[in-house]
């Protein structure tokens, strides 16, 4: 394990763009994408709103950000969000458990709210296939939402109330679910059935990332540890 690299092994870096006060409240997430016309865009989700930005590079290598769209159509703060790789679909969950699906089309954004009940939407991740979303409900279920905003299926998940993070693998074959207690569950994404359960950390797992191939996964925890697991 390498704790520190030599200074000459680290490339110099430069901040090429800085956007102050991008949102009036804290950031939930940032995603980039390349549009069909080649333009690089960025979606930012704050607790207050969703913004769509255009990124342009100047002749001297600096990057400018231009805010193109801002969406504010919810009563309470956003607590979880995800965006498809092409930037065309944004899913949000607010603290009052409302689920919002935003489609960015040629005529502008279309916002579709869905109410699954109090505490019945808490996290959201979009499947890599872009055909469904996953969320958790305090009633004790993992819920798969289809493109019409309906619950396509749900599977009992006893730790649903303590889920800390969700992540799909790049091939959409596996779904990882972590808990406040530091437990990592690896599920078959097709059935939502548990394949493997690992007591990975001593505290809450906040970050999950599959490596290409979905056979290994990175976890980051409140115990200040990062681990790579073979699953």
C-alpha atoms as a PDB file:
ATOM      1  CA  UNK A   1       0.000   0.000   0.000  1.00  0.00           C
ATOM      2  CA  UNK A   2       1.344   3.447  -0.931  1.00  0.00           C
ATOM      3  CA  UNK A   3       0.607   6.096   1.683  1.00  0.00           C
ATOM      4  CA  UNK A   4       2.245   8.991  -0.158  1.00  0.00           C
ATOM      5  CA  UNK A   5       3.738   9.495  -3.602  1.00  0.00           C
ATOM      6  CA  UNK A   6       6.957  11.347  -4.288  1.00  0.00           C
ATOM      7  CA  UNK A   7       6.465  14.926  -5.369  1.00  0.00           C
ATOM      8  CA  UNK A   8       8.026  14.295  -8.786  1.00  0.00           C
ATOM      9  CA  UNK A   9       5.446  11.567  -9.455  1.00  0.00           C
ATOM     10  CA  UNK A  10       2.534  13.949  -9.103  1.00  0.00           C
ATOM     11  CA  UNK A  11       1.649  16.029 -12.145  1.00  0.00           C
ATOM     12  CA  UNK A  12       1.007  19.709 -11.595  1.00  0.00           C
ATOM     13  CA  UNK A  13      -2.615  20.694 -11.957  1.00  0.00           C
ATOM     14  CA  UNK A  14      -4.418  23.939 -12.549  1.00  0.00           C
ATOM     15  CA  UNK A  15      -7.932  25.017 -11.684  1.00  0.00           C
ATOM     16  CA  UNK A  16      -9.287  25.862 -15.129  1.00  0.00           C
ATOM     17  CA  UNK A  17     -12.780  26.814 -14.019  1.00  0.00           C
ATOM     18  CA  UNK A  18     -14.371  28.001 -10.797  1.00  0.00           C
ATOM     19  CA  UNK A  19     -18.039  28.857 -10.392  1.00  0.00           C
ATOM     20  CA  UNK A  20     -18.844  30.680  -7.176  1.00  0.00           C
ATOM     21  CA  UNK A  21     -22.371  30.544  -5.771  1.00  0.00           C
ATOM     22  CA  UNK A  22     -23.418  27.926  -8.317  1.00  0.00           C
ATOM     23  CA  UNK A  23     -26.419  27.240  -6.072  1.00  0.00           C
ATOM     24  CA  UNK A  24     -27.921  29.133  -3.179  1.00  0.00           C
ATOM     25  CA  UNK A  25     -27.633  25.987  -1.034  1.00  0.00           C
ATOM     26  CA  UNK A  26     -25.202  23.075  -0.770  1.00  0.00           C
ATOM     27  CA  UNK A  27     -24.483  20.663  -3.625  1.00  0.00           C
ATOM     28  CA  UNK A  28     -25.916  17.145  -3.748  1.00  0.00           C
ATOM     29  CA  UNK A  29     -24.119  16.023  -6.906  1.00  0.00           C
ATOM     30  CA  UNK A  30     -22.345  16.983 -10.142  1.00  0.00           C
ATOM     31  CA  UNK A  31     -22.477  15.067 -13.458  1.00  0.00           C
ATOM     32  CA  UNK A  32     -20.957  15.735 -16.886  1.00  0.00           C
ATOM     33  CA  UNK A  33     -22.049  14.475 -20.302  1.00  0.00           C
ATOM     34  CA  UNK A  34     -21.418  15.021 -24.003  1.00  0.00           C
ATOM     35  CA  UNK A  35     -24.428  16.010 -26.096  1.00  0.00           C
ATOM     36  CA  UNK A  36     -25.076  14.695 -29.597  1.00  0.00           C
ATOM     37  CA  UNK A  37     -23.664  17.892 -31.111  1.00  0.00           C
ATOM     38  CA  UNK A  38     -20.369  17.369 -29.275  1.00  0.00           C
ATOM     39  CA  UNK A  39     -20.932  20.049 -26.655  1.00  0.00           C
ATOM     40  CA  UNK A  40     -19.921  19.070 -23.132  1.00  0.00           C
ATOM     41  CA  UNK A  41     -22.597  19.780 -20.570  1.00  0.00           C
ATOM     42  CA  UNK A  42     -22.894  19.554 -16.824  1.00  0.00           C
ATOM     43  CA  UNK A  43     -25.801  18.913 -14.481  1.00  0.00           C
ATOM     44  CA  UNK A  44     -25.555  20.195 -10.930  1.00  0.00           C
ATOM     45  CA  UNK A  45     -28.061  19.334  -8.238  1.00  0.00           C
ATOM     46  CA  UNK A  46     -28.197  21.445  -5.115  1.00  0.00           C
ATOM     47  CA  UNK A  47     -30.543  21.122  -2.178  1.00  0.00           C
ATOM     48  CA  UNK A  48     -32.481  23.986  -3.793  1.00  0.00           C
ATOM     49  CA  UNK A  49     -32.567  23.337  -7.546  1.00  0.00           C
ATOM     50  CA  UNK A  50     -31.257  21.562 -10.636  1.00  0.00           C
ATOM     51  CA  UNK A  51     -29.100  23.442 -13.146  1.00  0.00           C
ATOM     52  CA  UNK A  52     -27.967  22.536 -16.638  1.00  0.00           C
ATOM     53  CA  UNK A  53     -24.695  24.140 -17.741  1.00  0.00           C
ATOM     54  CA  UNK A  54     -22.782  24.430 -20.985  1.00  0.00           C
ATOM     55  CA  UNK A  55     -19.001  24.070 -20.830  1.00  0.00           C
ATOM     56  CA  UNK A  56     -16.819  25.919 -23.354  1.00  0.00           C
ATOM     57  CA  UNK A  57     -13.033  26.007 -23.598  1.00  0.00           C
ATOM     58  CA  UNK A  58     -11.274  29.267 -24.447  1.00  0.00           C
ATOM     59  CA  UNK A  59      -8.156  29.581 -26.604  1.00  0.00           C
ATOM     60  CA  UNK A  60      -5.929  29.771 -23.514  1.00  0.00           C
ATOM     61  CA  UNK A  61      -7.303  26.501 -22.135  1.00  0.00           C
ATOM     62  CA  UNK A  62      -9.615  27.949 -19.522  1.00  0.00           C
ATOM     63  CA  UNK A  63     -13.178  26.655 -19.286  1.00  0.00           C
ATOM     64  CA  UNK A  64     -16.278  28.776 -18.933  1.00  0.00           C
ATOM     65  CA  UNK A  65     -19.619  27.633 -17.567  1.00  0.00           C
ATOM     66  CA  UNK A  66     -22.892  29.069 -18.800  1.00  0.00           C
ATOM     67  CA  UNK A  67     -26.087  28.298 -16.912  1.00  0.00           C
ATOM     68  CA  UNK A  68     -28.742  27.351 -19.485  1.00  0.00           C
ATOM     69  CA  UNK A  69     -31.615  25.942 -17.414  1.00  0.00           C
ATOM     70  CA  UNK A  70     -32.618  26.064 -13.754  1.00  0.00           C
ATOM     71  CA  UNK A  71     -35.463  23.947 -12.385  1.00  0.00           C
ATOM     72  CA  UNK A  72     -37.204  24.552  -9.040  1.00  0.00           C
ATOM     73  CA  UNK A  73     -40.472  22.653  -8.763  1.00  0.00           C
ATOM     74  CA  UNK A  74     -40.438  21.075  -5.293  1.00  0.00           C
ATOM     75  CA  UNK A  75     -41.424  22.196  -1.826  1.00  0.00           C
ATOM     76  CA  UNK A  76     -38.549  20.743   0.181  1.00  0.00           C
ATOM     77  CA  UNK A  77     -34.814  20.160  -0.188  1.00  0.00           C
ATOM     78  CA  UNK A  78     -33.354  17.519  -2.499  1.00  0.00           C
ATOM     79  CA  UNK A  79     -31.610  14.710  -0.627  1.00  0.00           C
ATOM     80  CA  UNK A  80     -30.685  12.233  -3.382  1.00  0.00           C
ATOM     81  CA  UNK A  81     -30.203  12.480  -7.144  1.00  0.00           C
ATOM     82  CA  UNK A  82     -28.846  10.657 -10.176  1.00  0.00           C
ATOM     83  CA  UNK A  83     -28.355  11.502 -13.866  1.00  0.00           C
ATOM     84  CA  UNK A  84     -28.053   9.275 -16.945  1.00  0.00           C
ATOM     85  CA  UNK A  85     -24.744   9.241 -18.817  1.00  0.00           C
ATOM     86  CA  UNK A  86     -26.250  11.232 -21.708  1.00  0.00           C
ATOM     87  CA  UNK A  87     -27.662  13.896 -19.379  1.00  0.00           C
ATOM     88  CA  UNK A  88     -31.206  13.478 -20.697  1.00  0.00           C
ATOM     89  CA  UNK A  89     -32.832  12.102 -17.548  1.00  0.00           C
ATOM     90  CA  UNK A  90     -32.482  13.369 -13.983  1.00  0.00           C
ATOM     91  CA  UNK A  91     -34.097  11.698 -10.978  1.00  0.00           C
ATOM     92  CA  UNK A  92     -34.506  13.344  -7.586  1.00  0.00           C
ATOM     93  CA  UNK A  93     -35.829  12.483  -4.158  1.00  0.00           C
ATOM     94  CA  UNK A  94     -36.733  15.291  -1.759  1.00  0.00           C
ATOM     95  CA  UNK A  95     -36.837  15.148   2.038  1.00  0.00           C
ATOM     96  CA  UNK A  96     -40.637  14.828   1.960  1.00  0.00           C
ATOM     97  CA  UNK A  97     -40.177  11.555  -0.008  1.00  0.00           C
ATOM     98  CA  UNK A  98     -41.390  12.962  -3.327  1.00  0.00           C
ATOM     99  CA  UNK A  99     -39.793  11.407  -6.408  1.00  0.00           C
ATOM    100  CA  UNK A 100     -39.188  13.621  -9.468  1.00  0.00           C
ATOM    101  CA  UNK A 101     -38.263  12.470 -12.947  1.00  0.00           C
ATOM    102  CA  UNK A 102     -36.930  15.220 -15.232  1.00  0.00           C
ATOM    103  CA  UNK A 103     -36.622  14.595 -18.972  1.00  0.00           C
ATOM    104  CA  UNK A 104     -34.545  17.095 -20.952  1.00  0.00           C
ATOM    105  CA  UNK A 105     -35.932  17.276 -24.476  1.00  0.00           C
ATOM    106  CA  UNK A 106     -35.791  19.616 -27.452  1.00  0.00           C
ATOM    107  CA  UNK A 107     -38.779  21.561 -26.136  1.00  0.00           C
ATOM    108  CA  UNK A 108     -37.267  22.050 -22.697  1.00  0.00           C
ATOM    109  CA  UNK A 109     -37.393  20.096 -19.435  1.00  0.00           C
ATOM    110  CA  UNK A 110     -40.447  18.053 -18.480  1.00  0.00           C
ATOM    111  CA  UNK A 111     -40.860  17.448 -14.740  1.00  0.00           C
ATOM    112  CA  UNK A 112     -42.939  14.471 -13.616  1.00  0.00           C
ATOM    113  CA  UNK A 113     -43.584  14.166  -9.856  1.00  0.00           C
ATOM    114  CA  UNK A 114     -44.439  10.812  -8.284  1.00  0.00           C
ATOM    115  CA  UNK A 115     -45.738  10.250  -4.763  1.00  0.00           C
ATOM    116  CA  UNK A 116     -45.139   6.723  -3.451  1.00  0.00           C
ATOM    117  CA  UNK A 117     -46.156   7.584   0.109  1.00  0.00           C
ATOM    118  CA  UNK A 118     -44.507   9.018   3.208  1.00  0.00           C
ATOM    119  CA  UNK A 119     -40.910   7.754   3.615  1.00  0.00           C
ATOM    120  CA  UNK A 120     -41.348   5.420   0.622  1.00  0.00           C
ATOM    121  CA  UNK A 121     -38.614   7.059  -1.471  1.00  0.00           C
ATOM    122  CA  UNK A 122     -35.320   7.832   0.185  1.00  0.00           C
ATOM    123  CA  UNK A 123     -32.482   7.177  -2.264  1.00  0.00           C
ATOM    124  CA  UNK A 124     -32.399   6.977  -6.063  1.00  0.00           C
ATOM    125  CA  UNK A 125     -30.093   5.392  -8.619  1.00  0.00           C
ATOM    126  CA  UNK A 126     -30.744   4.987 -12.337  1.00  0.00           C
ATOM    127  CA  UNK A 127     -29.979   1.607 -13.911  1.00  0.00           C
ATOM    128  CA  UNK A 128     -27.259   1.672 -16.567  1.00  0.00           C
ATOM    129  CA  UNK A 129     -29.858   0.380 -19.032  1.00  0.00           C
ATOM    130  CA  UNK A 130     -31.818   3.630 -18.423  1.00  0.00           C
ATOM    131  CA  UNK A 131     -35.044   1.613 -18.257  1.00  0.00           C
ATOM    132  CA  UNK A 132     -35.691   1.805 -14.530  1.00  0.00           C
ATOM    133  CA  UNK A 133     -34.685   3.379 -11.228  1.00  0.00           C
ATOM    134  CA  UNK A 134     -34.158   1.935  -7.774  1.00  0.00           C
ATOM    135  CA  UNK A 135     -35.199   3.485  -4.470  1.00  0.00           C
ATOM    136  CA  UNK A 136     -35.711   2.402  -0.868  1.00  0.00           C
ATOM    137  CA  UNK A 137     -38.810   2.600   1.305  1.00  0.00           C
ATOM    138  CA  UNK A 138     -39.084   2.701   5.075  1.00  0.00           C
ATOM    139  CA  UNK A 139     -41.733  -0.009   4.839  1.00  0.00           C
ATOM    140  CA  UNK A 140     -38.798  -2.376   4.281  1.00  0.00           C
ATOM    141  CA  UNK A 141     -38.558  -2.727   0.507  1.00  0.00           C
ATOM    142  CA  UNK A 142     -36.253  -2.053  -2.402  1.00  0.00           C
ATOM    143  CA  UNK A 143     -38.465  -0.623  -5.132  1.00  0.00           C
ATOM    144  CA  UNK A 144     -37.855  -0.627  -8.862  1.00  0.00           C
ATOM    145  CA  UNK A 145     -39.583   2.226 -10.696  1.00  0.00           C
ATOM    146  CA  UNK A 146     -40.309   1.977 -14.427  1.00  0.00           C
ATOM    147  CA  UNK A 147     -40.276   4.802 -16.961  1.00  0.00           C
ATOM    148  CA  UNK A 148     -43.963   5.530 -16.375  1.00  0.00           C
ATOM    149  CA  UNK A 149     -43.273   6.295 -12.723  1.00  0.00           C
ATOM    150  CA  UNK A 150     -44.958   3.136 -11.459  1.00  0.00           C
ATOM    151  CA  UNK A 151     -43.533   0.634  -8.985  1.00  0.00           C
ATOM    152  CA  UNK A 152     -42.636  -2.225 -11.346  1.00  0.00           C
ATOM    153  CA  UNK A 153     -41.635  -4.540  -8.521  1.00  0.00           C
ATOM    154  CA  UNK A 154     -40.465  -4.514  -4.951  1.00  0.00           C
ATOM    155  CA  UNK A 155     -38.465  -6.936  -2.859  1.00  0.00           C
ATOM    156  CA  UNK A 156     -38.285  -7.132   0.934  1.00  0.00           C
ATOM    157  CA  UNK A 157     -35.037  -5.728   2.298  1.00  0.00           C
ATOM    158  CA  UNK A 158     -34.834  -5.835   6.110  1.00  0.00           C
ATOM    159  CA  UNK A 159     -32.146  -3.119   6.270  1.00  0.00           C
ATOM    160  CA  UNK A 160     -34.094  -0.648   4.103  1.00  0.00           C
ATOM    161  CA  UNK A 161     -34.349   1.902   6.933  1.00  0.00           C
ATOM    162  CA  UNK A 162     -30.576   2.071   7.325  1.00  0.00           C
ATOM    163  CA  UNK A 163     -29.451   2.146   3.685  1.00  0.00           C
ATOM    164  CA  UNK A 164     -26.562   4.562   3.249  1.00  0.00           C
ATOM    165  CA  UNK A 165     -25.751   4.227  -0.463  1.00  0.00           C
ATOM    166  CA  UNK A 166     -26.762   2.447  -3.680  1.00  0.00           C
ATOM    167  CA  UNK A 167     -24.736   1.711  -6.816  1.00  0.00           C
ATOM    168  CA  UNK A 168     -25.330  -0.202 -10.045  1.00  0.00           C
ATOM    169  CA  UNK A 169     -22.462  -2.016 -11.719  1.00  0.00           C
ATOM    170  CA  UNK A 170     -21.389  -0.835 -15.160  1.00  0.00           C
ATOM    171  CA  UNK A 171     -22.899  -3.904 -16.846  1.00  0.00           C
ATOM    172  CA  UNK A 172     -26.175  -3.519 -14.915  1.00  0.00           C
ATOM    173  CA  UNK A 173     -25.660  -7.063 -13.613  1.00  0.00           C
ATOM    174  CA  UNK A 174     -25.245  -6.188  -9.959  1.00  0.00           C
ATOM    175  CA  UNK A 175     -26.612  -3.700  -7.456  1.00  0.00           C
ATOM    176  CA  UNK A 176     -24.704  -2.767  -4.303  1.00  0.00           C
ATOM    177  CA  UNK A 177     -26.525  -1.591  -1.185  1.00  0.00           C
ATOM    178  CA  UNK A 178     -24.698  -0.401   1.937  1.00  0.00           C
ATOM    179  CA  UNK A 179     -25.970   0.373   5.432  1.00  0.00           C
ATOM    180  CA  UNK A 180     -25.303   2.640   8.387  1.00  0.00           C
ATOM    181  CA  UNK A 181     -23.864  -0.368  10.241  1.00  0.00           C
ATOM    182  CA  UNK A 182     -21.101  -0.871   7.660  1.00  0.00           C
ATOM    183  CA  UNK A 183     -22.658  -3.884   5.952  1.00  0.00           C
ATOM    184  CA  UNK A 184     -22.362  -4.294   2.178  1.00  0.00           C
ATOM    185  CA  UNK A 185     -25.008  -6.247   0.260  1.00  0.00           C
ATOM    186  CA  UNK A 186     -24.411  -7.340  -3.345  1.00  0.00           C
ATOM    187  CA  UNK A 187     -27.657  -8.089  -5.186  1.00  0.00           C
ATOM    188  CA  UNK A 188     -28.536  -9.604  -8.534  1.00  0.00           C
ATOM    189  CA  UNK A 189     -29.962  -6.569 -10.325  1.00  0.00           C
ATOM    190  CA  UNK A 190     -32.337  -8.742 -12.363  1.00  0.00           C
ATOM    191  CA  UNK A 191     -34.035 -10.267  -9.322  1.00  0.00           C
ATOM    192  CA  UNK A 192     -33.110  -7.914  -6.441  1.00  0.00           C
ATOM    193  CA  UNK A 193     -32.078 -11.011  -4.506  1.00  0.00           C
ATOM    194  CA  UNK A 194     -28.973 -10.898  -2.306  1.00  0.00           C
ATOM    195  CA  UNK A 195     -25.913 -12.725  -3.657  1.00  0.00           C
ATOM    196  CA  UNK A 196     -23.354 -11.738  -1.020  1.00  0.00           C
ATOM    197  CA  UNK A 197     -23.343  -9.940   2.321  1.00  0.00           C
ATOM    198  CA  UNK A 198     -20.102  -8.554   3.767  1.00  0.00           C
ATOM    199  CA  UNK A 199     -19.424  -6.855   7.101  1.00  0.00           C
ATOM    200  CA  UNK A 200     -17.199  -4.388   5.312  1.00  0.00           C
ATOM    201  CA  UNK A 201     -16.738  -1.525   7.780  1.00  0.00           C
ATOM    202  CA  UNK A 202     -17.296  -0.619  11.415  1.00  0.00           C
ATOM    203  CA  UNK A 203     -19.307   2.505  10.564  1.00  0.00           C
ATOM    204  CA  UNK A 204     -21.649   3.857   7.900  1.00  0.00           C
ATOM    205  CA  UNK A 205     -20.677   3.232   4.273  1.00  0.00           C
ATOM    206  CA  UNK A 206     -21.293   6.435   2.310  1.00  0.00           C
ATOM    207  CA  UNK A 207     -19.573   5.735  -1.025  1.00  0.00           C
ATOM    208  CA  UNK A 208     -19.787   2.793  -3.438  1.00  0.00           C
ATOM    209  CA  UNK A 209     -18.190   2.304  -6.857  1.00  0.00           C
ATOM    210  CA  UNK A 210     -17.960  -0.860  -8.938  1.00  0.00           C
ATOM    211  CA  UNK A 211     -14.835  -1.436 -10.990  1.00  0.00           C
ATOM    212  CA  UNK A 212     -15.349  -2.380 -14.666  1.00  0.00           C
ATOM    213  CA  UNK A 213     -16.671  -5.927 -14.875  1.00  0.00           C
ATOM    214  CA  UNK A 214     -18.690  -5.649 -11.656  1.00  0.00           C
ATOM    215  CA  UNK A 215     -16.571  -8.257  -9.846  1.00  0.00           C
ATOM    216  CA  UNK A 216     -14.838  -5.767  -7.557  1.00  0.00           C
ATOM    217  CA  UNK A 217     -16.242  -2.821  -5.622  1.00  0.00           C
ATOM    218  CA  UNK A 218     -14.781   0.130  -3.727  1.00  0.00           C
ATOM    219  CA  UNK A 219     -16.330   1.246  -0.440  1.00  0.00           C
ATOM    220  CA  UNK A 220     -15.732   4.386   1.600  1.00  0.00           C
ATOM    221  CA  UNK A 221     -16.871   4.712   5.191  1.00  0.00           C
ATOM    222  CA  UNK A 222     -17.177   7.015   8.183  1.00  0.00           C
ATOM    223  CA  UNK A 223     -14.443   4.843   9.730  1.00  0.00           C
ATOM    224  CA  UNK A 224     -12.043   6.783   7.433  1.00  0.00           C
ATOM    225  CA  UNK A 225     -11.219   3.652   5.456  1.00  0.00           C
ATOM    226  CA  UNK A 226     -11.430   2.842   1.754  1.00  0.00           C
ATOM    227  CA  UNK A 227     -11.597  -0.839   0.834  1.00  0.00           C
ATOM    228  CA  UNK A 228     -11.592  -2.803  -2.415  1.00  0.00           C
ATOM    229  CA  UNK A 229     -13.685  -5.973  -2.235  1.00  0.00           C
ATOM    230  CA  UNK A 230     -13.771  -8.932  -4.616  1.00  0.00           C
ATOM    231  CA  UNK A 231     -17.387 -10.065  -4.818  1.00  0.00           C
END
